[in-house]
Amino acid sequence: MALLFASSASVMAQPTTAAPTPPEYAASKVLSIYSDAFTPATGWNFGVWESGSSYSQIQVEGDNVAQFNVGSVDAGYFGWEFHSDVNAAAMTHLHLDVWMSEATTFHLFPICRTQPGEKSLDVTTLAGQWTSVDLNLDDYEEQGLDLSGVFQLKFADNIANKVLYVDNVYFYNNSTEIDTEKPQNLTATLVSSSYYSVVLNCSATDNSGAVNFKIEDAANQISQTAGAASGATVSVTVNNLQPSTTYNFTVSALDAEGNVCETTVQIDAATLAIPAPVTAPTHAEADVISIFSDVYEPATTFNIGGWGQTTTSTKVNLADGEEAYLMDKFNYVGWELNGNAPVFDASEMEYLHVDVYTPNAVAFRITPIWGDESLYACTPLNQNEWNSYDIPLSAFNGINLANIYQMKMEADNDDATVFVDNVYFWKNNSTSTLANEVVNEKWQMTVSNGQLTVYAEDSQNMAVYSLLGTCLHQTSGQNMAVALPAGTYIVKVGADTRKVLVY
């Protein structure tokens, strides 16, 4: 019985006294992340990051303490994800109090916006007592770390299957001098405008080593802040804007003491007008397995995978309530279907459809993922208009249509902006179109001696594709005539798509 009690006590070992009370600092000298002693500079979320770790909060002598049960993946790790970036460039140290039941040395990584992104210093704890650690930020900066944009903390290495109790995590400056110098040399320029955001480059100098920028448009209730090291240029994305709107931003610079630069910069910036919706598809519901479309019921839910992409994905409204996905800073993105588990069988489907609109992308590729992937380049990709693609599923090498659990899309330029709509699989239940057959009440198609001709009552976008989805001819108007070698083709008139046999 005594042995059982000892084992249980070992497993449940935790601090019985509160962590040491931090010293008092002026508000400008501390940036608190987790402590009852200070007003927090930002909130944070627990980052599991597939580590198998878990977080809870306990109280010790009335003091809140963070408890982390660390998993076994890669020697154990977990992270803190800040709600907003912290500019620690003017601070001198990073403090934390740690309690562990056994002596351990682990690594603490501030993770920053600029390259090299993250570097670590050692944290060595004593067994069964609070260890107060003060890490010199110069030791991080000597490794090339720019601490003006800290957005995460990572605890890693030598902590697998262990329990950490953490309190009083804050950046601070141990100087007692009162800074009265104002920031100088403020510059701000407009870099780019998108539909719901603009990007500004801001720079200023300050004797403290750090500058904070405030970007405001009072008339439109826009206010955003960002930080940078003295003399460095920071790229600031001003979000939550409305499309097709002109904004007048006032950019100011201040330091941690609240000293404000004597000059401001005025910037006028207009957001882009969102495109009109693409023509709605008209395939019968029974011939479609939909992933994302206002027209069809979805076959499954999906989430945006965290695959290390620069892409920000936002579901937006176009006109008349039509929804599309807007992808900014688009390099690639993954849609994880049904929690990465196959949920439908597309074996009877023939095509993958996707509608794409972009003001600046030079390439767009897409693939279903079924344990393998086969990216298909969608061409031509015309800018500032909707591009509709019906890709034969045979173009995806060796696709297992019963095992699709992800969709991947990518571009060539990391600053691309792309709208995507109507992503679905479909099959054509109509028979091959023969000469002189009327395909639609508003248009007809004939084939004679290798010539395909389309006549329409009204002006339409028309195109002819090979079975591999290569566009062979396209035009706009009331008629189209194109000579083709014998074979089977896909003809698209407006939103209507049909196969045709040329002989």
Protein backbone atom coordinates (compact mmCIF):
# COMPACT_ATOMS: atom_id res chain seq x y z
CA MET A 1 0.00 0.00 0.00
CA ALA A 2 2.85 2.37 0.82
CA LEU A 3 4.43 1.62 -2.56
CA LEU A 4 1.18 2.47 -4.38
CA PHE A 5 0.94 5.76 -2.50
CA ALA A 6 4.50 6.69 -3.40
CA SER A 7 3.91 5.98 -7.11
CA SER A 8 0.75 8.09 -7.15
CA ALA A 9 2.50 10.96 -5.38
CA SER A 10 5.29 10.86 -7.95
CA VAL A 11 2.85 11.03 -10.86
CA MET A 12 0.87 13.86 -9.30
CA ALA A 13 3.88 15.89 -8.11
CA GLN A 14 3.20 19.60 -8.51
CA PRO A 15 4.15 22.90 -6.84
CA THR A 16 2.59 23.65 -3.49
CA THR A 17 3.82 27.25 -3.31
CA ALA A 18 3.31 30.05 -5.80
CA ALA A 19 6.08 31.20 -8.12
CA PRO A 20 8.19 34.15 -6.93
CA THR A 21 6.45 37.50 -7.27
CA PRO A 22 7.98 39.49 -10.16
CA PRO A 23 9.58 42.87 -9.45
CA GLU A 24 7.66 46.01 -10.33
CA TYR A 25 8.33 47.50 -13.77
CA ALA A 26 7.09 50.62 -15.48
CA ALA A 27 4.44 49.75 -18.06
CA SER A 28 6.85 50.67 -20.87
CA LYS A 29 9.48 48.23 -19.57
CA VAL A 30 7.50 44.99 -19.66
CA LEU A 31 5.55 42.96 -22.23
CA SER A 32 3.68 40.29 -20.33
CA ILE A 33 2.53 37.06 -21.95
CA TYR A 34 1.36 35.09 -18.88
CA SER A 35 1.39 36.50 -15.35
CA ASP A 36 -1.05 37.67 -12.69
CA ALA A 37 1.37 40.49 -11.89
CA PHE A 38 1.05 42.47 -15.16
CA THR A 39 -1.50 43.53 -17.73
CA PRO A 40 -1.00 41.17 -20.69
CA ALA A 41 0.50 42.58 -23.89
CA THR A 42 -1.39 39.89 -25.83
CA GLY A 43 -3.47 36.79 -25.25
CA TRP A 44 -2.40 33.36 -26.44
CA ASN A 45 -3.77 29.98 -27.47
CA PHE A 46 -2.22 26.62 -26.68
CA GLY A 47 -0.57 25.14 -29.76
CA VAL A 48 -0.72 21.34 -29.71
CA TRP A 49 0.98 21.16 -33.15
CA GLU A 50 0.40 17.37 -33.35
CA SER A 51 2.63 16.90 -30.31
CA GLY A 52 0.11 15.03 -28.19
CA SER A 53 0.61 17.59 -25.41
CA SER A 54 -2.20 19.14 -23.38
CA TYR A 55 -2.76 22.34 -21.40
CA SER A 56 -4.74 23.25 -18.32
CA GLN A 57 -4.62 26.00 -15.72
CA ILE A 58 -4.41 25.38 -11.97
CA GLN A 59 -4.22 27.63 -8.94
CA VAL A 60 -1.38 27.53 -6.45
CA GLU A 61 -1.85 29.73 -3.38
CA GLY A 62 -4.33 31.80 -5.38
CA ASP A 63 -1.93 32.29 -8.29
CA ASN A 64 -2.80 31.06 -11.80
CA VAL A 65 -0.25 28.58 -13.12
CA ALA A 66 -0.14 26.98 -16.60
CA GLN A 67 0.23 23.18 -16.55
CA PHE A 68 1.50 21.33 -19.63
CA ASN A 69 1.42 17.55 -19.95
CA VAL A 70 3.92 16.95 -22.74
CA GLY A 71 3.49 14.22 -25.35
CA SER A 72 6.14 11.88 -26.69
CA VAL A 73 6.39 13.09 -30.29
CA ASP A 74 9.94 14.14 -31.31
CA ALA A 75 11.18 14.21 -27.72
CA GLY A 76 8.21 16.37 -26.69
CA TYR A 77 7.18 19.92 -27.51
CA PHE A 78 4.28 22.38 -27.49
CA GLY A 79 3.67 26.01 -28.38
CA TRP A 80 1.97 29.24 -27.45
CA GLU A 81 0.25 31.09 -30.30
CA PHE A 82 -0.07 34.83 -29.60
CA HIS A 83 -3.26 36.69 -30.52
CA SER A 84 -1.13 39.57 -31.83
CA ASP A 85 2.56 40.08 -32.53
CA VAL A 86 4.80 41.34 -29.72
CA ASN A 87 7.55 43.88 -30.48
CA ALA A 88 10.29 42.92 -28.03
CA ALA A 89 13.10 44.73 -29.87
CA ALA A 90 13.47 47.30 -27.06
CA MET A 91 13.44 44.66 -24.28
CA THR A 92 16.58 43.14 -22.78
CA HIS A 93 15.40 39.82 -21.27
CA LEU A 94 12.78 37.08 -21.44
CA HIS A 95 11.70 35.83 -18.01
CA LEU A 96 9.82 32.70 -17.00
CA ASP A 97 9.29 30.65 -13.84
CA VAL A 98 9.26 26.87 -14.32
CA TRP A 99 8.52 24.00 -11.92
CA MET A 100 9.34 20.38 -12.82
CA SER A 101 9.59 17.31 -10.65
CA GLU A 102 13.06 16.51 -12.00
CA ALA A 103 16.01 18.56 -13.18
CA THR A 104 15.85 19.10 -16.95
CA THR A 105 17.39 21.26 -19.67
CA PHE A 106 15.04 22.12 -22.53
CA HIS A 107 15.00 24.71 -25.33
CA LEU A 108 12.86 27.83 -25.51
CA PHE A 109 12.22 29.26 -29.00
CA PRO A 110 10.70 32.68 -29.65
CA ILE A 111 9.23 32.35 -33.17
CA CYS A 112 9.36 35.55 -35.21
CA ARG A 113 7.97 36.86 -38.51
CA THR A 114 11.32 37.48 -40.19
CA GLN A 115 13.97 34.94 -41.14
CA PRO A 116 15.52 32.83 -39.66
CA GLY A 117 12.19 32.64 -37.81
CA GLU A 118 13.19 30.79 -34.66
CA LYS A 119 16.27 30.22 -32.51
CA SER A 120 16.57 28.69 -29.04
CA LEU A 121 18.34 29.13 -25.72
CA ASP A 122 18.72 26.57 -22.94
CA VAL A 123 16.41 26.59 -19.93
CA THR A 124 17.72 24.47 -17.03
CA THR A 125 15.31 23.65 -14.21
CA LEU A 126 15.92 22.41 -10.68
CA ALA A 127 14.05 19.39 -9.35
CA GLY A 128 10.89 19.94 -7.31
CA GLN A 129 11.13 23.71 -6.93
CA TRP A 130 10.47 26.88 -8.87
CA THR A 131 13.31 27.90 -11.19
CA SER A 132 13.39 31.56 -12.22
CA VAL A 133 14.99 32.00 -15.64
CA ASP A 134 16.09 35.28 -17.26
CA LEU A 135 17.26 34.81 -20.85
CA ASN A 136 19.34 37.61 -22.37
CA LEU A 137 17.71 38.69 -25.62
CA ASP A 138 21.13 39.65 -27.01
CA ASP A 139 21.87 35.91 -27.15
CA TYR A 140 18.87 35.42 -29.41
CA GLU A 141 19.72 38.46 -31.56
CA GLU A 142 23.32 37.26 -32.01
CA GLN A 143 21.78 34.19 -33.70
CA GLY A 144 20.07 36.52 -36.18
CA LEU A 145 16.64 36.64 -34.56
CA ASP A 146 14.59 39.81 -35.10
CA LEU A 147 12.46 40.12 -31.96
CA SER A 148 10.25 42.91 -33.30
CA GLY A 149 7.61 40.43 -34.46
CA VAL A 150 7.34 37.57 -31.96
CA PHE A 151 4.12 35.63 -32.58
CA GLN A 152 4.78 32.25 -30.92
CA LEU A 153 6.81 30.56 -28.19
CA LYS A 154 7.90 26.93 -28.49
CA PHE A 155 9.01 24.69 -25.62
CA ALA A 156 10.92 21.69 -26.97
CA ASP A 157 13.48 18.90 -26.43
CA ASN A 158 14.08 16.71 -23.36
CA ILE A 159 10.54 17.21 -22.05
CA ALA A 160 8.76 14.20 -23.57
CA ASN A 161 6.26 12.59 -21.19
CA LYS A 162 6.94 15.21 -18.52
CA VAL A 163 4.83 17.87 -16.82
CA LEU A 164 5.80 21.54 -16.83
CA TYR A 165 4.29 24.21 -14.59
CA VAL A 166 4.92 27.68 -15.99
CA ASP A 167 4.24 31.16 -14.62
CA ASN A 168 5.36 34.76 -15.12
CA VAL A 169 6.35 34.70 -18.77
CA TYR A 170 7.27 38.22 -19.89
CA PHE A 171 9.78 40.28 -21.84
CA TYR A 172 11.30 43.15 -19.89
CA ASN A 173 13.90 45.92 -20.00
CA ASN A 174 16.04 46.20 -16.88
CA SER A 175 16.95 49.84 -17.50
CA THR A 176 15.52 52.38 -15.05
CA GLU A 177 16.12 55.35 -17.36
CA ILE A 178 13.11 57.35 -18.51
CA ASP A 179 13.09 57.75 -22.28
CA THR A 180 11.85 61.13 -23.55
CA GLU A 181 13.16 60.98 -27.14
CA LYS A 182 10.60 60.80 -29.90
CA PRO A 183 10.86 58.46 -32.89
CA GLN A 184 12.19 60.10 -36.06
CA ASN A 185 12.50 59.55 -39.82
CA LEU A 186 9.01 58.13 -40.30
CA THR A 187 8.24 56.83 -43.79
CA ALA A 188 5.21 54.92 -45.06
CA THR A 189 4.31 53.81 -48.57
CA LEU A 190 1.49 51.89 -50.20
CA VAL A 191 2.73 48.54 -51.55
CA SER A 192 -0.43 46.91 -52.86
CA SER A 193 -4.21 46.84 -52.63
CA SER A 194 -6.43 43.80 -52.61
CA TYR A 195 -10.17 43.34 -52.16
CA TYR A 196 -10.38 43.37 -48.37
CA SER A 197 -6.89 44.60 -47.40
CA VAL A 198 -3.97 46.84 -48.32
CA VAL A 199 -0.26 46.45 -47.61
CA LEU A 200 1.89 49.33 -46.33
CA ASN A 201 5.65 49.49 -45.74
CA CYS A 202 6.55 51.49 -42.62
CA SER A 203 9.89 52.54 -41.13
CA ALA A 204 11.18 54.89 -38.41
CA THR A 205 14.09 55.19 -36.00
CA ASP A 206 14.15 55.45 -32.20
CA ASN A 207 16.86 55.45 -29.56
CA SER A 208 15.14 52.61 -27.69
CA GLY A 209 15.76 50.22 -30.59
CA ALA A 210 12.07 49.60 -31.31
CA VAL A 211 9.23 51.49 -32.99
CA ASN A 212 5.49 50.85 -33.04
CA PHE A 213 3.31 52.10 -35.87
CA LYS A 214 -0.35 53.06 -35.68
CA ILE A 215 -2.38 53.08 -38.90
CA GLU A 216 -5.79 54.75 -38.64
CA ASP A 217 -8.74 55.82 -40.74
CA ALA A 218 -11.07 57.33 -38.17
CA ALA A 219 -13.91 57.91 -40.64
CA ASN A 220 -14.07 54.18 -41.40
CA GLN A 221 -13.23 53.06 -37.84
CA ILE A 222 -9.97 51.38 -38.93
CA SER A 223 -7.12 51.17 -36.44
CA GLN A 224 -4.18 48.77 -36.64
CA THR A 225 -0.74 48.57 -35.03
CA ALA A 226 2.54 46.89 -35.93
CA GLY A 227 6.06 46.90 -34.56
CA ALA A 228 9.57 46.95 -35.98
CA ALA A 229 13.16 47.33 -34.91
CA SER A 230 14.53 50.86 -35.19
CA GLY A 231 15.40 51.61 -38.82
CA ALA A 232 13.85 48.40 -40.15
CA THR A 233 11.01 48.34 -42.68
CA VAL A 234 7.96 46.36 -41.66
CA SER A 235 5.26 45.23 -44.08
CA VAL A 236 1.83 45.84 -42.53
CA THR A 237 -1.35 44.28 -43.90
CA VAL A 238 -4.38 46.37 -42.97
CA ASN A 239 -7.29 43.93 -42.88
CA ASN A 240 -11.08 44.03 -42.51
CA LEU A 241 -11.57 46.57 -45.29
CA GLN A 242 -14.49 46.79 -47.72
CA PRO A 243 -14.01 46.21 -51.45
CA SER A 244 -14.24 49.07 -53.95
CA THR A 245 -13.62 51.65 -51.20
CA THR A 246 -11.11 54.50 -50.88
CA TYR A 247 -9.42 54.87 -47.50
CA ASN A 248 -7.36 57.74 -46.09
CA PHE A 249 -4.82 56.34 -43.63
CA THR A 250 -2.81 58.32 -41.11
CA VAL A 251 0.42 56.57 -40.13
CA SER A 252 2.14 57.58 -36.88
CA ALA A 253 5.12 56.20 -34.97
CA LEU A 254 5.63 55.90 -31.22
CA ASP A 255 7.92 54.11 -28.80
CA ALA A 256 7.17 52.02 -25.72
CA GLU A 257 7.20 55.12 -23.50
CA GLY A 258 4.46 56.67 -25.63
CA ASN A 259 6.73 59.29 -27.24
CA VAL A 260 5.17 60.10 -30.62
CA CYS A 261 6.99 61.14 -33.78
CA GLU A 262 6.29 64.77 -34.63
CA THR A 263 5.37 63.91 -38.22
CA THR A 264 2.71 61.62 -39.67
CA VAL A 265 2.22 60.22 -43.16
CA GLN A 266 -1.07 60.35 -45.08
CA ILE A 267 -1.80 57.53 -47.53
CA ASP A 268 -4.81 57.21 -49.83
CA ALA A 269 -5.54 53.61 -50.82
CA ALA A 270 -8.43 52.12 -52.80
CA THR A 271 -9.44 48.48 -52.48
CA LEU A 272 -10.33 46.48 -55.56
CA ALA A 273 -13.86 45.86 -56.79
CA ILE A 274 -14.85 42.23 -56.33
CA PRO A 275 -15.76 40.31 -59.50
CA ALA A 276 -19.30 39.50 -60.49
CA PRO A 277 -20.27 35.88 -59.86
CA VAL A 278 -19.41 33.26 -62.43
CA THR A 279 -22.25 31.82 -64.51
CA ALA A 280 -23.96 29.15 -62.43
CA PRO A 281 -23.45 25.52 -63.49
CA THR A 282 -26.43 23.66 -64.92
CA HIS A 283 -25.57 19.98 -64.56
CA ALA A 284 -28.24 17.82 -62.98
CA GLU A 285 -27.74 17.31 -59.25
CA ALA A 286 -27.64 13.53 -59.77
CA ASP A 287 -24.60 13.93 -62.06
CA VAL A 288 -22.53 15.94 -59.54
CA ILE A 289 -20.46 15.30 -56.40
CA SER A 290 -19.94 18.80 -55.04
CA ILE A 291 -17.13 20.03 -52.78
CA PHE A 292 -17.91 23.76 -52.87
CA SER A 293 -20.75 25.42 -54.79
CA ASP A 294 -23.88 27.43 -54.09
CA VAL A 295 -25.74 25.39 -56.70
CA TYR A 296 -25.28 21.87 -55.30
CA GLU A 297 -25.49 20.30 -51.87
CA PRO A 298 -21.96 19.50 -50.65
CA ALA A 299 -20.99 15.84 -50.48
CA THR A 300 -18.79 16.55 -47.46
CA THR A 301 -17.48 19.27 -45.20
CA PHE A 302 -13.88 20.43 -45.45
CA ASN A 303 -11.37 22.56 -43.58
CA ILE A 304 -8.35 24.53 -44.74
CA GLY A 305 -5.27 22.47 -43.90
CA GLY A 306 -2.37 24.08 -42.02
CA TRP A 307 0.30 22.97 -44.50
CA GLY A 308 2.81 25.79 -43.97
CA GLN A 309 1.31 27.87 -46.78
CA THR A 310 1.48 31.66 -47.04
CA THR A 311 -2.13 31.58 -48.28
CA THR A 312 -4.92 33.19 -46.30
CA SER A 313 -8.29 31.70 -47.28
CA THR A 314 -11.53 33.59 -46.69
CA LYS A 315 -15.07 32.71 -47.74
CA VAL A 316 -16.49 35.90 -49.26
CA ASN A 317 -19.75 37.10 -50.77
CA LEU A 318 -19.81 38.26 -54.37
CA ALA A 319 -23.02 39.74 -55.78
CA ASP A 320 -26.50 38.35 -55.02
CA GLY A 321 -25.20 36.35 -52.05
CA GLU A 322 -23.00 34.12 -54.25
CA GLU A 323 -20.11 32.74 -52.21
CA ALA A 324 -16.54 32.07 -53.32
CA TYR A 325 -13.20 31.43 -51.62
CA LEU A 326 -10.70 34.29 -51.79
CA MET A 327 -7.08 33.22 -51.41
CA ASP A 328 -4.55 36.00 -50.77
CA LYS A 329 -0.76 35.55 -50.80
CA PHE A 330 -1.66 32.35 -52.58
CA ASN A 331 1.18 29.87 -53.03
CA TYR A 332 -0.79 26.72 -52.27
CA VAL A 333 -3.67 25.48 -50.16
CA GLY A 334 -5.16 22.16 -49.12
CA TRP A 335 -8.81 21.42 -48.48
CA GLU A 336 -9.08 18.50 -46.05
CA LEU A 337 -12.31 16.67 -46.82
CA ASN A 338 -14.27 15.02 -44.02
CA GLY A 339 -11.35 15.24 -41.57
CA ASN A 340 -8.97 13.59 -44.09
CA ALA A 341 -11.16 10.51 -44.45
CA PRO A 342 -12.74 9.39 -47.77
CA VAL A 343 -16.48 9.90 -47.67
CA PHE A 344 -17.73 9.54 -51.28
CA ASP A 345 -17.06 7.33 -54.30
CA ALA A 346 -16.50 9.30 -57.51
CA SER A 347 -15.86 6.24 -59.69
CA GLU A 348 -18.74 7.13 -62.03
CA MET A 349 -17.60 10.75 -62.44
CA GLU A 350 -15.77 11.95 -65.58
CA TYR A 351 -14.59 15.49 -64.84
CA LEU A 352 -13.37 17.82 -62.11
CA HIS A 353 -14.78 21.33 -62.49
CA VAL A 354 -13.34 24.52 -60.98
CA ASP A 355 -13.97 28.23 -61.68
CA VAL A 356 -10.99 30.57 -61.13
CA TYR A 357 -10.72 34.38 -61.15
CA THR A 358 -7.42 36.21 -60.60
CA PRO A 359 -6.07 39.73 -61.11
CA ASN A 360 -2.42 38.64 -60.99
CA ALA A 361 -1.75 34.88 -60.82
CA VAL A 362 0.32 33.46 -63.69
CA ALA A 363 -0.50 29.80 -63.02
CA PHE A 364 -3.13 27.72 -61.30
CA ARG A 365 -2.86 23.99 -60.66
CA ILE A 366 -5.23 21.62 -58.92
CA THR A 367 -5.31 17.96 -57.92
CA PRO A 368 -7.48 15.64 -55.87
CA ILE A 369 -5.37 13.74 -53.33
CA TRP A 370 -6.02 10.03 -52.90
CA GLY A 371 -2.76 8.85 -51.26
CA ASP A 372 -1.00 10.35 -54.28
CA GLU A 373 -1.42 13.56 -56.22
CA SER A 374 -1.07 14.72 -59.84
CA LEU A 375 -1.22 18.48 -60.22
CA TYR A 376 -2.98 19.63 -63.38
CA ALA A 377 -2.09 23.02 -64.89
CA CYS A 378 -5.28 24.89 -65.85
CA THR A 379 -4.75 26.83 -69.07
CA PRO A 380 -5.30 29.35 -70.39
CA LEU A 381 -5.44 31.43 -67.18
CA ASN A 382 -6.84 34.80 -68.21
CA GLN A 383 -6.57 37.59 -65.65
CA ASN A 384 -9.53 39.72 -64.54
CA GLU A 385 -12.15 37.29 -65.80
CA TRP A 386 -13.61 33.97 -64.71
CA ASN A 387 -11.87 30.90 -66.10
CA SER A 388 -13.93 27.71 -66.12
CA TYR A 389 -12.19 24.36 -66.34
CA ASP A 390 -13.64 20.88 -66.83
CA ILE A 391 -10.70 18.54 -66.36
CA PRO A 392 -11.08 14.89 -67.44
CA LEU A 393 -10.31 12.70 -64.45
CA SER A 394 -8.03 10.68 -66.72
CA ALA A 395 -5.64 13.66 -66.56
CA PHE A 396 -4.87 12.79 -62.93
CA ASN A 397 -2.52 9.83 -63.24
CA GLY A 398 -3.77 6.71 -61.49
CA ILE A 399 -6.44 8.46 -59.42
CA ASN A 400 -8.34 6.28 -56.95
CA LEU A 401 -11.77 7.85 -57.22
CA ALA A 402 -13.06 5.97 -54.17
CA ASN A 403 -10.31 7.30 -51.90
CA ILE A 404 -10.29 11.10 -52.38
CA TYR A 405 -9.78 12.88 -49.05
CA GLN A 406 -8.11 16.19 -49.99
CA MET A 407 -8.04 18.84 -52.72
CA LYS A 408 -4.84 20.78 -53.36
CA MET A 409 -4.44 24.01 -55.35
CA GLU A 410 -1.29 26.02 -56.03
CA ALA A 411 0.14 28.98 -57.95
CA ASP A 412 3.64 30.04 -59.00
CA ASN A 413 3.83 33.49 -57.38
CA ASP A 414 3.50 33.80 -53.58
CA ASP A 415 1.69 37.15 -53.86
CA ALA A 416 -1.09 35.80 -56.08
CA THR A 417 -4.73 36.58 -55.36
CA VAL A 418 -7.29 34.03 -56.55
CA PHE A 419 -11.05 33.50 -56.22
CA VAL A 420 -12.25 29.89 -56.50
CA ASP A 421 -15.84 28.74 -56.95
CA ASN A 422 -17.80 25.64 -58.02
CA VAL A 423 -15.38 22.85 -57.21
CA TYR A 424 -17.14 19.59 -58.04
CA PHE A 425 -16.88 16.26 -59.84
CA TRP A 426 -19.42 15.57 -62.59
CA LYS A 427 -20.39 13.18 -65.34
CA ASN A 428 -22.06 13.77 -68.67
CA ASN A 429 -25.18 11.68 -69.00
CA SER A 430 -25.94 12.83 -72.53
CA THR A 431 -24.93 10.78 -75.57
CA SER A 432 -22.34 12.02 -78.04
CA THR A 433 -23.67 14.95 -80.03
CA LEU A 434 -24.24 14.13 -83.72
CA ALA A 435 -24.47 16.39 -86.77
CA ASN A 436 -27.38 18.85 -86.82
CA GLU A 437 -28.59 17.84 -83.31
CA VAL A 438 -30.09 20.72 -81.31
CA VAL A 439 -28.32 20.66 -77.94
CA ASN A 440 -30.04 23.56 -76.26
CA GLU A 441 -33.11 25.66 -77.01
CA LYS A 442 -30.87 28.72 -77.37
CA TRP A 443 -28.06 27.19 -79.43
CA GLN A 444 -27.31 24.38 -81.84
CA MET A 445 -24.23 22.60 -83.07
CA THR A 446 -23.43 20.90 -86.38
CA VAL A 447 -20.51 18.82 -87.62
CA SER A 448 -19.73 18.42 -91.32
CA ASN A 449 -16.51 17.32 -93.04
CA GLY A 450 -14.39 17.93 -89.96
CA GLN A 451 -15.87 21.38 -89.29
CA LEU A 452 -17.65 22.06 -86.00
CA THR A 453 -20.06 24.98 -86.06
CA VAL A 454 -22.05 26.49 -83.19
CA TYR A 455 -24.93 28.96 -83.60
CA ALA A 456 -26.43 30.85 -80.60
CA GLU A 457 -29.36 33.22 -80.23
CA ASP A 458 -27.36 35.53 -77.96
CA SER A 459 -23.68 36.30 -77.54
CA GLN A 460 -21.97 33.54 -75.53
CA ASN A 461 -18.48 32.51 -74.42
CA MET A 462 -17.65 29.42 -76.48
CA ALA A 463 -14.72 27.01 -76.31
CA VAL A 464 -13.55 23.63 -77.59
CA TYR A 465 -11.40 21.36 -75.39
CA SER A 466 -9.61 18.09 -75.89
CA LEU A 467 -10.57 15.20 -73.61
CA LEU A 468 -7.49 16.08 -71.51
CA GLY A 469 -8.91 19.55 -70.91
CA THR A 470 -6.59 21.50 -73.25
CA CYS A 471 -8.36 24.52 -74.71
CA LEU A 472 -8.12 24.24 -78.53
CA HIS A 473 -10.24 27.24 -79.50
CA GLN A 474 -12.30 29.89 -77.74
CA THR A 475 -14.29 32.92 -78.78
CA SER A 476 -17.20 35.16 -77.75
CA GLY A 477 -20.19 35.88 -79.93
CA GLN A 478 -23.18 34.20 -81.56
CA ASN A 479 -21.25 31.68 -83.62
CA MET A 480 -18.09 29.63 -83.67
CA ALA A 481 -16.59 27.61 -86.52
CA VAL A 482 -13.46 25.52 -86.11
CA ALA A 483 -11.86 22.75 -88.20
CA LEU A 484 -10.85 19.72 -86.10
CA PRO A 485 -9.28 16.32 -86.75
CA ALA A 486 -11.62 13.36 -86.31
CA GLY A 487 -12.15 12.54 -82.66
CA THR A 488 -14.18 13.31 -79.53
CA TYR A 489 -14.12 16.81 -78.03
CA ILE A 490 -15.74 18.85 -75.29
CA VAL A 491 -17.67 21.92 -76.38
CA LYS A 492 -18.69 24.60 -73.91
CA VAL A 493 -21.27 27.27 -74.73
CA GLY A 494 -21.89 29.60 -71.81
CA ALA A 495 -22.44 27.31 -68.80
CA ASP A 496 -23.52 24.34 -70.94
CA THR A 497 -20.99 21.60 -71.65
CA ARG A 498 -21.35 18.69 -74.08
CA LYS A 499 -19.26 16.04 -75.80
CA VAL A 500 -19.16 16.03 -79.57
CA LEU A 501 -17.93 13.50 -82.08
CA VAL A 502 -16.12 15.06 -85.07
CA TYR A 503 -15.89 12.82 -88.14
